[in-house]
């Protein structure tokens, strides 16, 4: 059976790959890839929150909050009914948690 950490590593890798494809043009169809990948990351993080070490809980929660804010912004931008190839740019909300780069790197480097 595949562990939650392995699932999280794979899901984060997919999310990062989608983001890397998005960055050069920032098109709506590219942002949709990130959305689907991030939904998967979110689901796995919700499980991991109950399995992780106590010293990781805050970082996991911050990542969850970051994704929730991202999803809310995505929905708001989507209300403009963009064409698939239209520009679709995200800006982090004021006082919103930043992308938890340190935590993500730690997860990606974990050995099983």
N, C-alpha and C. Protein backbone atom coordinates (compact mmCIF):
# COMPACT_ATOMS: atom_id res chain seq x y z
N UNK A 1 0.84 -1.19 0.00
CA UNK A 1 0.00 0.00 0.00
C UNK A 1 0.89 1.25 0.00
N UNK A 2 0.50 2.23 -0.74
CA UNK A 2 1.28 3.46 -0.87
C UNK A 2 1.03 4.37 0.35
N UNK A 3 2.10 4.91 0.90
CA UNK A 3 1.98 5.75 2.09
C UNK A 3 1.44 7.14 1.75
N UNK A 4 0.95 7.82 2.77
CA UNK A 4 0.45 9.18 2.59
C UNK A 4 1.56 10.11 2.14
N UNK A 5 2.76 9.93 2.69
CA UNK A 5 3.91 10.77 2.30
C UNK A 5 4.20 10.58 0.81
N UNK A 6 4.23 9.34 0.35
CA UNK A 6 4.50 9.08 -1.07
C UNK A 6 3.42 9.71 -1.94
N UNK A 7 2.18 9.58 -1.54
CA UNK A 7 1.08 10.21 -2.28
C UNK A 7 1.28 11.72 -2.32
N UNK A 8 1.65 12.29 -1.17
CA UNK A 8 1.87 13.73 -1.10
C UNK A 8 3.03 14.16 -1.99
N UNK A 9 4.11 13.39 -1.99
CA UNK A 9 5.25 13.70 -2.86
C UNK A 9 4.84 13.69 -4.33
N UNK A 10 4.08 12.70 -4.73
CA UNK A 10 3.64 12.59 -6.12
C UNK A 10 2.69 13.74 -6.47
N UNK A 11 1.75 14.02 -5.58
CA UNK A 11 0.78 15.09 -5.83
C UNK A 11 1.45 16.46 -5.90
N UNK A 12 2.40 16.72 -5.00
CA UNK A 12 3.13 18.00 -5.04
C UNK A 12 3.95 18.10 -6.32
N UNK A 13 4.57 16.99 -6.71
CA UNK A 13 5.33 16.99 -7.97
C UNK A 13 4.45 17.34 -9.15
N UNK A 14 3.26 16.78 -9.18
CA UNK A 14 2.30 17.09 -10.25
C UNK A 14 1.91 18.56 -10.21
N UNK A 15 1.65 19.08 -9.02
CA UNK A 15 1.28 20.48 -8.88
C UNK A 15 2.40 21.40 -9.36
N UNK A 16 3.63 21.07 -8.98
CA UNK A 16 4.78 21.88 -9.41
C UNK A 16 4.97 21.82 -10.93
N UNK A 17 4.76 20.64 -11.51
CA UNK A 17 4.88 20.51 -12.97
C UNK A 17 3.82 21.37 -13.66
N UNK A 18 2.60 21.36 -13.13
CA UNK A 18 1.53 22.18 -13.70
C UNK A 18 1.86 23.66 -13.57
N UNK A 19 2.40 24.05 -12.41
CA UNK A 19 2.77 25.44 -12.19
C UNK A 19 3.88 25.88 -13.16
N UNK A 20 4.86 25.02 -13.37
CA UNK A 20 5.95 25.34 -14.30
C UNK A 20 5.45 25.54 -15.72
N UNK A 21 4.43 24.79 -16.12
CA UNK A 21 3.84 24.98 -17.44
C UNK A 21 3.00 26.26 -17.51
N UNK A 22 2.46 26.68 -16.39
CA UNK A 22 1.62 27.88 -16.31
C UNK A 22 2.43 29.17 -16.38
N UNK A 23 3.55 29.21 -15.71
CA UNK A 23 4.31 30.45 -15.51
C UNK A 23 4.64 31.23 -16.79
N UNK A 24 5.11 30.60 -17.86
CA UNK A 24 5.50 31.40 -19.02
C UNK A 24 4.36 32.19 -19.67
N UNK A 25 3.14 31.65 -19.68
CA UNK A 25 2.04 32.32 -20.39
C UNK A 25 0.87 32.73 -19.50
N UNK A 26 0.68 32.03 -18.38
CA UNK A 26 -0.40 32.32 -17.42
C UNK A 26 -1.78 32.31 -18.07
N UNK A 27 -2.08 31.24 -18.75
CA UNK A 27 -3.37 31.06 -19.43
C UNK A 27 -4.33 30.28 -18.53
N UNK A 28 -5.61 30.49 -18.76
CA UNK A 28 -6.64 29.83 -17.97
C UNK A 28 -6.55 28.31 -18.05
N UNK A 29 -6.36 27.77 -19.26
CA UNK A 29 -6.29 26.31 -19.39
C UNK A 29 -5.10 25.74 -18.61
N UNK A 30 -4.03 26.52 -18.49
CA UNK A 30 -2.88 26.08 -17.70
C UNK A 30 -3.18 26.16 -16.21
N UNK A 31 -3.92 27.19 -15.81
CA UNK A 31 -4.31 27.33 -14.41
C UNK A 31 -5.24 26.19 -13.99
N UNK A 32 -6.06 25.71 -14.92
CA UNK A 32 -6.93 24.58 -14.60
C UNK A 32 -6.14 23.35 -14.21
N UNK A 33 -4.99 23.14 -14.85
CA UNK A 33 -4.13 22.01 -14.48
C UNK A 33 -3.68 22.12 -13.03
N UNK A 34 -3.31 23.34 -12.65
CA UNK A 34 -2.89 23.59 -11.27
C UNK A 34 -4.05 23.31 -10.33
N UNK A 35 -5.24 23.77 -10.69
CA UNK A 35 -6.41 23.55 -9.85
C UNK A 35 -6.62 22.06 -9.57
N UNK A 36 -6.63 21.25 -10.62
CA UNK A 36 -6.87 19.82 -10.44
C UNK A 36 -5.76 19.17 -9.61
N UNK A 37 -4.53 19.57 -9.87
CA UNK A 37 -3.41 19.03 -9.09
C UNK A 37 -3.50 19.47 -7.63
N UNK A 38 -3.85 20.73 -7.39
CA UNK A 38 -3.93 21.25 -6.03
C UNK A 38 -5.10 20.65 -5.25
N UNK A 39 -6.17 20.31 -5.93
CA UNK A 39 -7.28 19.63 -5.26
C UNK A 39 -6.80 18.30 -4.68
N UNK A 40 -5.97 17.61 -5.45
CA UNK A 40 -5.41 16.34 -4.99
C UNK A 40 -4.46 16.56 -3.81
N UNK A 41 -3.60 17.56 -3.90
CA UNK A 41 -2.69 17.88 -2.80
C UNK A 41 -3.50 18.20 -1.55
N UNK A 42 -4.54 18.97 -1.70
CA UNK A 42 -5.39 19.37 -0.57
C UNK A 42 -5.99 18.16 0.13
N UNK A 43 -6.54 17.24 -0.64
CA UNK A 43 -7.15 16.03 -0.07
C UNK A 43 -6.12 15.21 0.72
N UNK A 44 -4.93 15.09 0.18
CA UNK A 44 -3.89 14.31 0.85
C UNK A 44 -3.40 15.03 2.10
N UNK A 45 -3.27 16.36 2.03
CA UNK A 45 -2.86 17.13 3.21
C UNK A 45 -3.86 16.98 4.35
N UNK A 46 -5.14 16.91 4.02
CA UNK A 46 -6.16 16.75 5.05
C UNK A 46 -5.96 15.42 5.78
N UNK A 47 -5.56 14.38 5.08
CA UNK A 47 -5.27 13.09 5.71
C UNK A 47 -3.96 13.18 6.50
N UNK A 48 -2.95 13.78 5.88
CA UNK A 48 -1.63 13.86 6.49
C UNK A 48 -1.65 14.64 7.80
N UNK A 49 -2.53 15.62 7.92
CA UNK A 49 -2.64 16.41 9.14
C UNK A 49 -2.86 15.52 10.37
N UNK A 50 -3.53 14.39 10.18
CA UNK A 50 -3.80 13.48 11.30
C UNK A 50 -2.70 12.44 11.50
N UNK A 51 -1.77 12.38 10.57
CA UNK A 51 -0.69 11.39 10.64
C UNK A 51 0.68 12.00 10.92
N UNK A 52 0.83 13.27 10.66
CA UNK A 52 2.15 13.90 10.73
C UNK A 52 2.62 14.07 12.17
N UNK A 53 3.90 14.34 12.29
CA UNK A 53 4.51 14.62 13.58
C UNK A 53 3.93 15.94 14.12
N UNK A 54 3.91 16.06 15.42
CA UNK A 54 3.36 17.26 16.06
C UNK A 54 4.06 18.53 15.55
N UNK A 55 5.37 18.45 15.33
CA UNK A 55 6.12 19.63 14.89
C UNK A 55 5.84 20.01 13.43
N UNK A 56 5.08 19.21 12.69
CA UNK A 56 4.72 19.52 11.31
C UNK A 56 3.31 20.08 11.18
N UNK A 57 2.49 19.93 12.21
CA UNK A 57 1.08 20.29 12.12
C UNK A 57 0.85 21.74 11.67
N UNK A 58 1.59 22.66 12.24
CA UNK A 58 1.40 24.07 11.87
C UNK A 58 1.70 24.30 10.39
N UNK A 59 2.78 23.71 9.89
CA UNK A 59 3.13 23.87 8.48
C UNK A 59 2.08 23.23 7.57
N UNK A 60 1.56 22.08 7.97
CA UNK A 60 0.50 21.42 7.18
C UNK A 60 -0.73 22.31 7.14
N UNK A 61 -1.10 22.85 8.28
CA UNK A 61 -2.26 23.74 8.33
C UNK A 61 -2.04 24.98 7.47
N UNK A 62 -0.84 25.55 7.51
CA UNK A 62 -0.56 26.73 6.69
C UNK A 62 -0.67 26.40 5.20
N UNK A 63 -0.22 25.23 4.81
CA UNK A 63 -0.33 24.80 3.41
C UNK A 63 -1.80 24.65 3.04
N UNK A 64 -2.59 24.05 3.93
CA UNK A 64 -4.03 23.92 3.69
C UNK A 64 -4.67 25.29 3.54
N UNK A 65 -4.34 26.22 4.45
CA UNK A 65 -4.90 27.58 4.37
C UNK A 65 -4.48 28.26 3.07
N UNK A 66 -3.22 28.09 2.67
CA UNK A 66 -2.73 28.67 1.42
C UNK A 66 -3.56 28.15 0.24
N UNK A 67 -3.80 26.85 0.22
CA UNK A 67 -4.59 26.27 -0.87
C UNK A 67 -6.04 26.74 -0.83
N UNK A 68 -6.61 26.85 0.34
CA UNK A 68 -8.00 27.34 0.45
C UNK A 68 -8.11 28.76 -0.11
N UNK A 69 -7.15 29.62 0.25
CA UNK A 69 -7.15 30.98 -0.30
C UNK A 69 -6.97 30.96 -1.80
N UNK A 70 -6.10 30.08 -2.29
CA UNK A 70 -5.87 29.95 -3.73
C UNK A 70 -7.16 29.51 -4.44
N UNK A 71 -7.85 28.50 -3.88
CA UNK A 71 -9.11 28.03 -4.48
C UNK A 71 -10.15 29.15 -4.51
N UNK A 72 -10.23 29.93 -3.44
CA UNK A 72 -11.19 31.04 -3.41
C UNK A 72 -10.87 32.08 -4.47
N UNK A 73 -9.59 32.39 -4.63
CA UNK A 73 -9.20 33.34 -5.66
C UNK A 73 -9.48 32.77 -7.05
N UNK A 74 -9.21 31.49 -7.23
CA UNK A 74 -9.47 30.85 -8.51
C UNK A 74 -10.94 30.98 -8.87
N UNK A 75 -11.82 30.69 -7.90
CA UNK A 75 -13.26 30.78 -8.15
C UNK A 75 -13.67 32.20 -8.51
N UNK A 76 -13.09 33.17 -7.83
CA UNK A 76 -13.41 34.57 -8.12
C UNK A 76 -12.97 34.95 -9.53
N UNK A 77 -11.77 34.55 -9.90
CA UNK A 77 -11.28 34.84 -11.25
C UNK A 77 -12.11 34.11 -12.31
N UNK A 78 -12.55 32.92 -11.95
CA UNK A 78 -13.33 32.11 -12.90
C UNK A 78 -14.70 32.73 -13.19
N UNK A 79 -15.20 33.53 -12.27
CA UNK A 79 -16.50 34.19 -12.47
C UNK A 79 -16.49 35.16 -13.64
N UNK A 80 -15.32 35.54 -14.10
CA UNK A 80 -15.23 36.42 -15.27
C UNK A 80 -15.45 35.64 -16.56
N UNK A 81 -15.68 34.32 -16.43
CA UNK A 81 -15.91 33.43 -17.57
C UNK A 81 -14.81 33.56 -18.64
N UNK A 82 -13.60 33.26 -18.24
CA UNK A 82 -12.48 33.40 -19.18
C UNK A 82 -12.52 32.35 -20.30
N UNK A 83 -11.97 32.72 -21.45
CA UNK A 83 -11.74 31.75 -22.51
C UNK A 83 -10.56 30.90 -22.09
N UNK A 84 -10.46 29.71 -22.62
CA UNK A 84 -9.38 28.81 -22.23
C UNK A 84 -8.00 29.42 -22.43
N UNK A 85 -7.85 30.25 -23.45
CA UNK A 85 -6.53 30.82 -23.74
C UNK A 85 -6.35 32.24 -23.22
N UNK A 86 -7.29 32.72 -22.41
CA UNK A 86 -7.15 34.07 -21.88
C UNK A 86 -6.18 34.07 -20.69
N UNK A 87 -5.63 35.25 -20.42
CA UNK A 87 -4.71 35.39 -19.30
C UNK A 87 -5.46 35.16 -17.99
N UNK A 88 -4.80 34.50 -17.05
CA UNK A 88 -5.42 34.14 -15.77
C UNK A 88 -4.33 34.23 -14.71
N UNK A 89 -4.24 35.37 -14.02
CA UNK A 89 -3.11 35.65 -13.14
C UNK A 89 -3.55 35.70 -11.68
N UNK A 90 -2.77 35.03 -10.85
CA UNK A 90 -3.01 35.00 -9.41
C UNK A 90 -2.11 35.98 -8.70
N UNK A 91 -2.66 36.59 -7.65
CA UNK A 91 -1.87 37.41 -6.74
C UNK A 91 -2.30 37.01 -5.34
N UNK A 92 -1.34 36.70 -4.49
CA UNK A 92 -1.67 36.29 -3.14
C UNK A 92 -2.41 37.40 -2.41
N UNK A 93 -3.47 37.02 -1.68
CA UNK A 93 -4.22 37.98 -0.89
C UNK A 93 -3.33 38.57 0.20
N UNK A 94 -3.61 39.81 0.58
CA UNK A 94 -2.90 40.45 1.68
C UNK A 94 -3.15 39.63 2.94
N UNK A 95 -2.11 39.36 3.69
CA UNK A 95 -2.15 38.59 4.93
C UNK A 95 -2.53 37.12 4.73
N UNK A 96 -2.47 36.66 3.52
CA UNK A 96 -2.72 35.25 3.23
C UNK A 96 -1.42 34.47 3.40
N UNK A 97 -1.52 33.21 3.87
CA UNK A 97 -0.28 32.43 4.03
C UNK A 97 0.46 32.27 2.70
N UNK A 98 1.75 32.41 2.77
CA UNK A 98 2.59 32.21 1.58
C UNK A 98 2.68 30.73 1.26
N UNK A 99 3.10 30.44 0.03
CA UNK A 99 3.37 29.05 -0.33
C UNK A 99 4.46 28.53 0.60
N UNK A 100 4.22 27.40 1.27
CA UNK A 100 5.17 26.90 2.27
C UNK A 100 6.35 26.15 1.65
N UNK A 101 7.22 26.90 1.01
CA UNK A 101 8.35 26.33 0.27
C UNK A 101 9.24 25.42 1.13
N UNK A 102 9.55 25.84 2.34
CA UNK A 102 10.41 25.05 3.21
C UNK A 102 9.76 23.70 3.55
N UNK A 103 8.48 23.73 3.89
CA UNK A 103 7.76 22.51 4.21
C UNK A 103 7.69 21.59 2.99
N UNK A 104 7.38 22.14 1.83
CA UNK A 104 7.28 21.34 0.61
C UNK A 104 8.62 20.67 0.31
N UNK A 105 9.70 21.42 0.41
CA UNK A 105 11.03 20.84 0.17
C UNK A 105 11.33 19.72 1.16
N UNK A 106 10.94 19.91 2.41
CA UNK A 106 11.16 18.87 3.43
C UNK A 106 10.37 17.61 3.07
N UNK A 107 9.13 17.76 2.65
CA UNK A 107 8.30 16.61 2.26
C UNK A 107 8.91 15.90 1.05
N UNK A 108 9.33 16.65 0.07
CA UNK A 108 9.87 16.07 -1.16
C UNK A 108 11.17 15.32 -0.89
N UNK A 109 11.91 15.71 0.14
CA UNK A 109 13.18 15.07 0.47
C UNK A 109 13.06 13.91 1.45
N UNK A 110 11.85 13.71 2.01
CA UNK A 110 11.67 12.64 2.99
C UNK A 110 11.92 11.27 2.35
N UNK A 111 12.67 10.47 3.06
CA UNK A 111 12.91 9.08 2.64
C UNK A 111 11.87 8.20 3.31
N UNK A 112 11.49 7.18 2.60
CA UNK A 112 10.47 6.28 3.15
C UNK A 112 11.09 5.00 3.64
